[in-house]
N, C-alpha and C. Protein backbone atom coordinates (compact mmCIF):
# COMPACT_ATOMS: atom_id res chain seq x y z
N MET A 1 27.47 -7.03 -42.01
CA MET A 1 28.12 -6.92 -40.72
C MET A 1 28.09 -5.48 -40.22
N LEU A 2 28.26 -4.55 -41.12
CA LEU A 2 28.25 -3.13 -40.76
C LEU A 2 26.88 -2.72 -40.22
N VAL A 3 25.83 -3.28 -40.79
CA VAL A 3 24.47 -2.97 -40.34
C VAL A 3 24.26 -3.46 -38.91
N ILE A 4 24.75 -4.64 -38.61
CA ILE A 4 24.62 -5.19 -37.26
C ILE A 4 25.35 -4.31 -36.25
N ALA A 5 26.55 -3.86 -36.60
CA ALA A 5 27.32 -2.99 -35.71
C ALA A 5 26.59 -1.67 -35.50
N ALA A 6 26.00 -1.13 -36.56
CA ALA A 6 25.28 0.14 -36.46
C ALA A 6 24.05 -0.02 -35.55
N LEU A 7 23.34 -1.13 -35.69
CA LEU A 7 22.18 -1.38 -34.83
C LEU A 7 22.59 -1.56 -33.37
N ALA A 8 23.72 -2.20 -33.13
CA ALA A 8 24.21 -2.38 -31.77
C ALA A 8 24.54 -1.04 -31.13
N VAL A 9 25.21 -0.17 -31.87
CA VAL A 9 25.55 1.17 -31.36
C VAL A 9 24.28 1.97 -31.09
N LEU A 10 23.34 1.91 -32.00
CA LEU A 10 22.08 2.63 -31.82
C LEU A 10 21.34 2.11 -30.58
N GLY A 11 21.28 0.80 -30.42
CA GLY A 11 20.63 0.21 -29.24
C GLY A 11 21.30 0.64 -27.95
N TRP A 12 22.62 0.64 -27.94
CA TRP A 12 23.36 1.06 -26.74
C TRP A 12 23.09 2.52 -26.41
N THR A 13 23.04 3.36 -27.43
CA THR A 13 22.79 4.79 -27.23
C THR A 13 21.39 5.01 -26.63
N VAL A 14 20.40 4.32 -27.16
CA VAL A 14 19.04 4.44 -26.63
C VAL A 14 19.00 3.96 -25.19
N HIS A 15 19.68 2.86 -24.89
CA HIS A 15 19.72 2.32 -23.53
C HIS A 15 20.36 3.32 -22.56
N GLU A 16 21.48 3.89 -22.92
CA GLU A 16 22.16 4.87 -22.07
C GLU A 16 21.29 6.10 -21.84
N THR A 17 20.60 6.55 -22.87
CA THR A 17 19.73 7.73 -22.74
C THR A 17 18.58 7.44 -21.77
N SER A 18 18.00 6.23 -21.86
CA SER A 18 16.90 5.90 -20.95
C SER A 18 17.39 5.81 -19.51
N LEU A 19 18.61 5.34 -19.28
CA LEU A 19 19.16 5.30 -17.93
C LEU A 19 19.38 6.70 -17.37
N GLN A 20 19.83 7.63 -18.21
CA GLN A 20 20.03 9.00 -17.76
C GLN A 20 18.69 9.66 -17.41
N ASP A 21 17.65 9.40 -18.22
CA ASP A 21 16.33 9.94 -17.93
C ASP A 21 15.82 9.42 -16.60
N THR A 22 16.07 8.16 -16.32
CA THR A 22 15.62 7.57 -15.06
C THR A 22 16.35 8.19 -13.88
N SER A 23 17.66 8.39 -14.00
CA SER A 23 18.41 8.97 -12.88
C SER A 23 18.05 10.43 -12.68
N ASP A 24 17.71 11.15 -13.75
CA ASP A 24 17.29 12.54 -13.60
C ASP A 24 15.97 12.63 -12.85
N SER A 25 15.02 11.74 -13.16
CA SER A 25 13.73 11.79 -12.48
C SER A 25 13.85 11.34 -11.03
N ALA A 26 14.87 10.56 -10.71
CA ALA A 26 15.06 10.12 -9.33
C ALA A 26 15.46 11.28 -8.43
N ASP A 27 16.04 12.34 -9.02
CA ASP A 27 16.44 13.50 -8.24
C ASP A 27 15.28 14.42 -7.90
N GLU A 28 14.12 14.23 -8.56
CA GLU A 28 12.96 15.07 -8.31
C GLU A 28 12.32 14.71 -6.98
N ASP A 29 11.46 15.59 -6.48
CA ASP A 29 10.75 15.30 -5.24
C ASP A 29 9.91 14.06 -5.40
N VAL A 30 9.96 13.19 -4.41
CA VAL A 30 9.19 11.95 -4.43
C VAL A 30 8.03 12.12 -3.47
N PRO A 31 6.79 11.80 -3.93
CA PRO A 31 5.65 11.95 -3.02
C PRO A 31 5.68 10.93 -1.90
N THR A 32 4.90 11.19 -0.86
CA THR A 32 4.79 10.26 0.26
C THR A 32 4.33 8.92 -0.26
N GLN A 33 4.95 7.84 0.24
CA GLN A 33 4.57 6.51 -0.21
C GLN A 33 3.13 6.23 0.16
N VAL A 34 2.39 5.68 -0.77
CA VAL A 34 0.98 5.39 -0.59
C VAL A 34 0.77 3.91 -0.78
N ASP A 35 -0.08 3.31 0.04
CA ASP A 35 -0.30 1.87 -0.07
C ASP A 35 -1.20 1.53 -1.25
N ALA A 36 -1.52 0.26 -1.38
CA ALA A 36 -2.24 -0.25 -2.55
C ALA A 36 -3.61 0.37 -2.73
N VAL A 37 -4.25 0.79 -1.68
CA VAL A 37 -5.57 1.37 -1.83
C VAL A 37 -5.49 2.89 -1.93
N GLY A 38 -4.30 3.44 -1.96
CA GLY A 38 -4.15 4.86 -2.19
C GLY A 38 -4.33 5.72 -0.97
N VAL A 39 -4.03 5.23 0.19
CA VAL A 39 -4.20 6.00 1.42
C VAL A 39 -2.86 6.14 2.11
N SER A 40 -2.50 7.36 2.43
CA SER A 40 -1.25 7.59 3.14
C SER A 40 -1.45 7.35 4.63
N HIS A 41 -0.49 6.65 5.25
CA HIS A 41 -0.56 6.39 6.68
C HIS A 41 0.35 7.34 7.45
N GLU A 42 0.77 8.42 6.81
CA GLU A 42 1.73 9.34 7.41
C GLU A 42 1.21 10.00 8.68
N SER A 43 -0.11 10.28 8.76
CA SER A 43 -0.64 11.00 9.91
C SER A 43 -0.94 10.09 11.10
N VAL A 44 -0.82 8.79 10.92
CA VAL A 44 -1.14 7.84 11.99
C VAL A 44 0.10 7.62 12.84
N ALA A 45 -0.09 7.59 14.16
CA ALA A 45 1.03 7.34 15.07
C ALA A 45 1.63 5.97 14.76
N THR A 46 2.95 5.86 14.84
CA THR A 46 3.62 4.61 14.49
C THR A 46 3.30 3.49 15.45
N ASP A 47 2.87 3.79 16.68
CA ASP A 47 2.55 2.74 17.64
C ASP A 47 1.07 2.38 17.63
N ALA A 48 0.27 3.03 16.78
CA ALA A 48 -1.16 2.74 16.70
C ALA A 48 -1.37 1.42 15.97
N VAL A 49 -2.17 0.55 16.58
CA VAL A 49 -2.47 -0.75 15.99
C VAL A 49 -3.96 -1.04 16.12
N LEU A 50 -4.45 -1.89 15.25
CA LEU A 50 -5.82 -2.33 15.28
C LEU A 50 -6.06 -3.19 16.52
N HIS A 51 -7.18 -2.96 17.21
CA HIS A 51 -7.50 -3.78 18.38
C HIS A 51 -9.02 -3.91 18.53
N VAL A 52 -9.44 -4.95 19.21
CA VAL A 52 -10.85 -5.19 19.46
C VAL A 52 -11.42 -4.01 20.25
N GLY A 53 -12.60 -3.56 19.85
CA GLY A 53 -13.25 -2.44 20.52
C GLY A 53 -12.99 -1.11 19.85
N MET A 54 -12.09 -1.07 18.89
CA MET A 54 -11.76 0.18 18.18
C MET A 54 -12.98 0.65 17.38
N SER A 55 -13.21 1.94 17.33
CA SER A 55 -14.35 2.50 16.61
C SER A 55 -14.10 2.51 15.10
N THR A 56 -15.17 2.68 14.34
CA THR A 56 -15.04 2.76 12.88
C THR A 56 -14.19 3.96 12.48
N ASP A 57 -14.34 5.08 13.19
CA ASP A 57 -13.54 6.26 12.88
C ASP A 57 -12.05 6.01 13.12
N ASP A 58 -11.75 5.31 14.22
CA ASP A 58 -10.35 4.99 14.53
C ASP A 58 -9.75 4.07 13.47
N VAL A 59 -10.53 3.08 13.03
CA VAL A 59 -10.04 2.16 11.99
C VAL A 59 -9.81 2.92 10.69
N ARG A 60 -10.73 3.81 10.36
CA ARG A 60 -10.60 4.59 9.13
C ARG A 60 -9.34 5.46 9.19
N SER A 61 -9.04 6.05 10.33
CA SER A 61 -7.84 6.89 10.41
C SER A 61 -6.57 6.04 10.43
N LEU A 62 -6.65 4.81 10.92
CA LEU A 62 -5.50 3.92 10.96
C LEU A 62 -5.24 3.24 9.62
N GLU A 63 -6.27 2.69 9.01
CA GLU A 63 -6.13 1.89 7.79
C GLU A 63 -6.53 2.62 6.52
N GLY A 64 -7.24 3.74 6.65
CA GLY A 64 -7.72 4.44 5.47
C GLY A 64 -9.09 3.93 5.06
N GLU A 65 -9.56 4.43 3.93
CA GLU A 65 -10.87 4.01 3.44
C GLU A 65 -10.80 2.56 2.96
N PRO A 66 -11.80 1.76 3.31
CA PRO A 66 -11.81 0.38 2.83
C PRO A 66 -12.05 0.33 1.32
N VAL A 67 -11.59 -0.76 0.71
CA VAL A 67 -11.83 -0.96 -0.72
C VAL A 67 -13.31 -1.25 -0.96
N ALA A 68 -13.92 -1.99 -0.03
CA ALA A 68 -15.35 -2.32 -0.13
C ALA A 68 -15.93 -2.44 1.28
N VAL A 69 -17.23 -2.16 1.37
CA VAL A 69 -17.94 -2.29 2.64
C VAL A 69 -19.17 -3.16 2.39
N HIS A 70 -19.30 -4.22 3.17
CA HIS A 70 -20.45 -5.13 3.08
C HIS A 70 -21.09 -5.21 4.46
N GLY A 71 -21.99 -4.28 4.74
CA GLY A 71 -22.62 -4.23 6.06
C GLY A 71 -21.58 -3.90 7.13
N ASP A 72 -21.34 -4.85 8.02
CA ASP A 72 -20.38 -4.62 9.10
C ASP A 72 -18.98 -5.12 8.78
N LEU A 73 -18.74 -5.51 7.53
CA LEU A 73 -17.44 -6.02 7.10
C LEU A 73 -16.77 -5.02 6.15
N TRP A 74 -15.59 -4.55 6.54
CA TRP A 74 -14.81 -3.65 5.71
C TRP A 74 -13.66 -4.44 5.09
N GLU A 75 -13.52 -4.34 3.77
CA GLU A 75 -12.45 -5.04 3.08
C GLU A 75 -11.33 -4.08 2.71
N TYR A 76 -10.12 -4.55 2.97
CA TYR A 76 -8.91 -3.85 2.57
C TYR A 76 -8.13 -4.81 1.68
N GLY A 77 -8.59 -4.94 0.43
CA GLY A 77 -8.01 -5.95 -0.44
C GLY A 77 -8.34 -7.31 0.14
N PRO A 78 -7.34 -8.18 0.29
CA PRO A 78 -7.60 -9.51 0.86
C PRO A 78 -7.74 -9.51 2.39
N SER A 79 -7.47 -8.40 3.03
CA SER A 79 -7.65 -8.29 4.48
C SER A 79 -9.03 -7.71 4.76
N TRP A 80 -9.53 -7.93 5.97
CA TRP A 80 -10.84 -7.38 6.33
C TRP A 80 -10.93 -7.12 7.83
N VAL A 81 -11.90 -6.26 8.18
CA VAL A 81 -12.20 -5.93 9.58
C VAL A 81 -13.71 -6.05 9.74
N ARG A 82 -14.17 -6.73 10.80
CA ARG A 82 -15.60 -6.86 11.06
C ARG A 82 -15.96 -6.09 12.33
N PHE A 83 -17.10 -5.39 12.25
CA PHE A 83 -17.59 -4.57 13.36
C PHE A 83 -18.89 -5.14 13.90
N ASP A 84 -19.16 -4.86 15.14
CA ASP A 84 -20.45 -5.11 15.76
C ASP A 84 -20.77 -3.86 16.58
N HIS A 85 -21.89 -3.21 16.27
CA HIS A 85 -22.26 -1.95 16.92
C HIS A 85 -21.13 -0.92 16.79
N ASP A 86 -20.57 -0.83 15.59
CA ASP A 86 -19.51 0.14 15.26
C ASP A 86 -18.23 -0.03 16.07
N GLU A 87 -17.97 -1.24 16.55
CA GLU A 87 -16.72 -1.54 17.23
C GLU A 87 -16.10 -2.80 16.62
N VAL A 88 -14.78 -2.81 16.50
CA VAL A 88 -14.07 -3.97 15.94
C VAL A 88 -14.29 -5.18 16.81
N VAL A 89 -14.68 -6.30 16.18
CA VAL A 89 -14.82 -7.56 16.91
C VAL A 89 -13.85 -8.62 16.39
N GLU A 90 -13.44 -8.52 15.12
CA GLU A 90 -12.45 -9.44 14.58
C GLU A 90 -11.89 -8.89 13.26
N TRP A 91 -10.78 -9.49 12.83
CA TRP A 91 -10.19 -9.12 11.56
C TRP A 91 -9.37 -10.26 11.02
N ARG A 92 -9.03 -10.15 9.74
CA ARG A 92 -8.10 -11.07 9.07
C ARG A 92 -7.13 -10.20 8.31
N SER A 93 -5.85 -10.35 8.61
CA SER A 93 -4.80 -9.55 7.97
C SER A 93 -4.02 -10.43 7.02
N SER A 94 -4.11 -10.14 5.74
CA SER A 94 -3.40 -10.92 4.72
C SER A 94 -2.00 -10.37 4.53
N PRO A 95 -1.02 -11.24 4.29
CA PRO A 95 0.33 -10.76 4.00
C PRO A 95 0.39 -9.94 2.71
N LEU A 96 -0.61 -10.08 1.86
CA LEU A 96 -0.64 -9.32 0.61
C LEU A 96 -1.01 -7.85 0.84
N ARG A 97 -1.78 -7.59 1.88
CA ARG A 97 -2.13 -6.22 2.28
C ARG A 97 -2.35 -6.26 3.80
N PRO A 98 -1.25 -6.32 4.57
CA PRO A 98 -1.39 -6.49 6.02
C PRO A 98 -2.03 -5.27 6.69
N LEU A 99 -2.83 -5.58 7.69
CA LEU A 99 -3.40 -4.54 8.54
C LEU A 99 -2.37 -4.19 9.61
N ARG A 100 -2.52 -3.03 10.21
CA ARG A 100 -1.61 -2.61 11.29
C ARG A 100 -2.07 -3.26 12.59
N THR A 101 -1.44 -4.39 12.92
CA THR A 101 -1.79 -5.13 14.13
C THR A 101 -0.53 -5.51 14.88
N ASP A 102 -0.70 -5.92 16.12
CA ASP A 102 0.44 -6.46 16.87
C ASP A 102 0.14 -7.87 17.34
N THR A 103 -0.99 -8.43 16.90
CA THR A 103 -1.40 -9.76 17.36
C THR A 103 -1.32 -10.82 16.27
N GLY A 104 -0.77 -10.52 15.13
CA GLY A 104 -0.68 -11.50 14.06
C GLY A 104 -1.76 -11.31 13.03
N LEU A 105 -2.08 -12.39 12.32
CA LEU A 105 -2.97 -12.30 11.18
C LEU A 105 -4.45 -12.25 11.52
N THR A 106 -4.87 -12.88 12.61
CA THR A 106 -6.30 -12.90 12.94
C THR A 106 -6.54 -12.56 14.39
N ALA A 107 -7.74 -12.09 14.65
CA ALA A 107 -8.16 -11.83 16.04
C ALA A 107 -9.65 -12.08 16.11
N HIS A 108 -10.09 -12.62 17.24
CA HIS A 108 -11.52 -12.90 17.42
C HIS A 108 -12.01 -12.22 18.67
């Protein structure tokens, strides 16, 4: 019985120490939040949204670097943007990695 009590006290002490370490690190500077593909959207205007006719440069500054590029299709995880002559013609915005739009999930 004494061994069980000693293990319980030891476990509690380790738990309390880990909570203190977590709260200490929470006081440190926190970097700018970055999305799943590692691109900060801090420099993009909050009212900027994806729209048909937008250039590839504008999309890159709004959404960041795509995860993959397949010709005229840029993938942002499960979301994608399609271009024709370097202008946006359609997109699909997944709730898992939503694009910055004001028209919903898809546009044609």
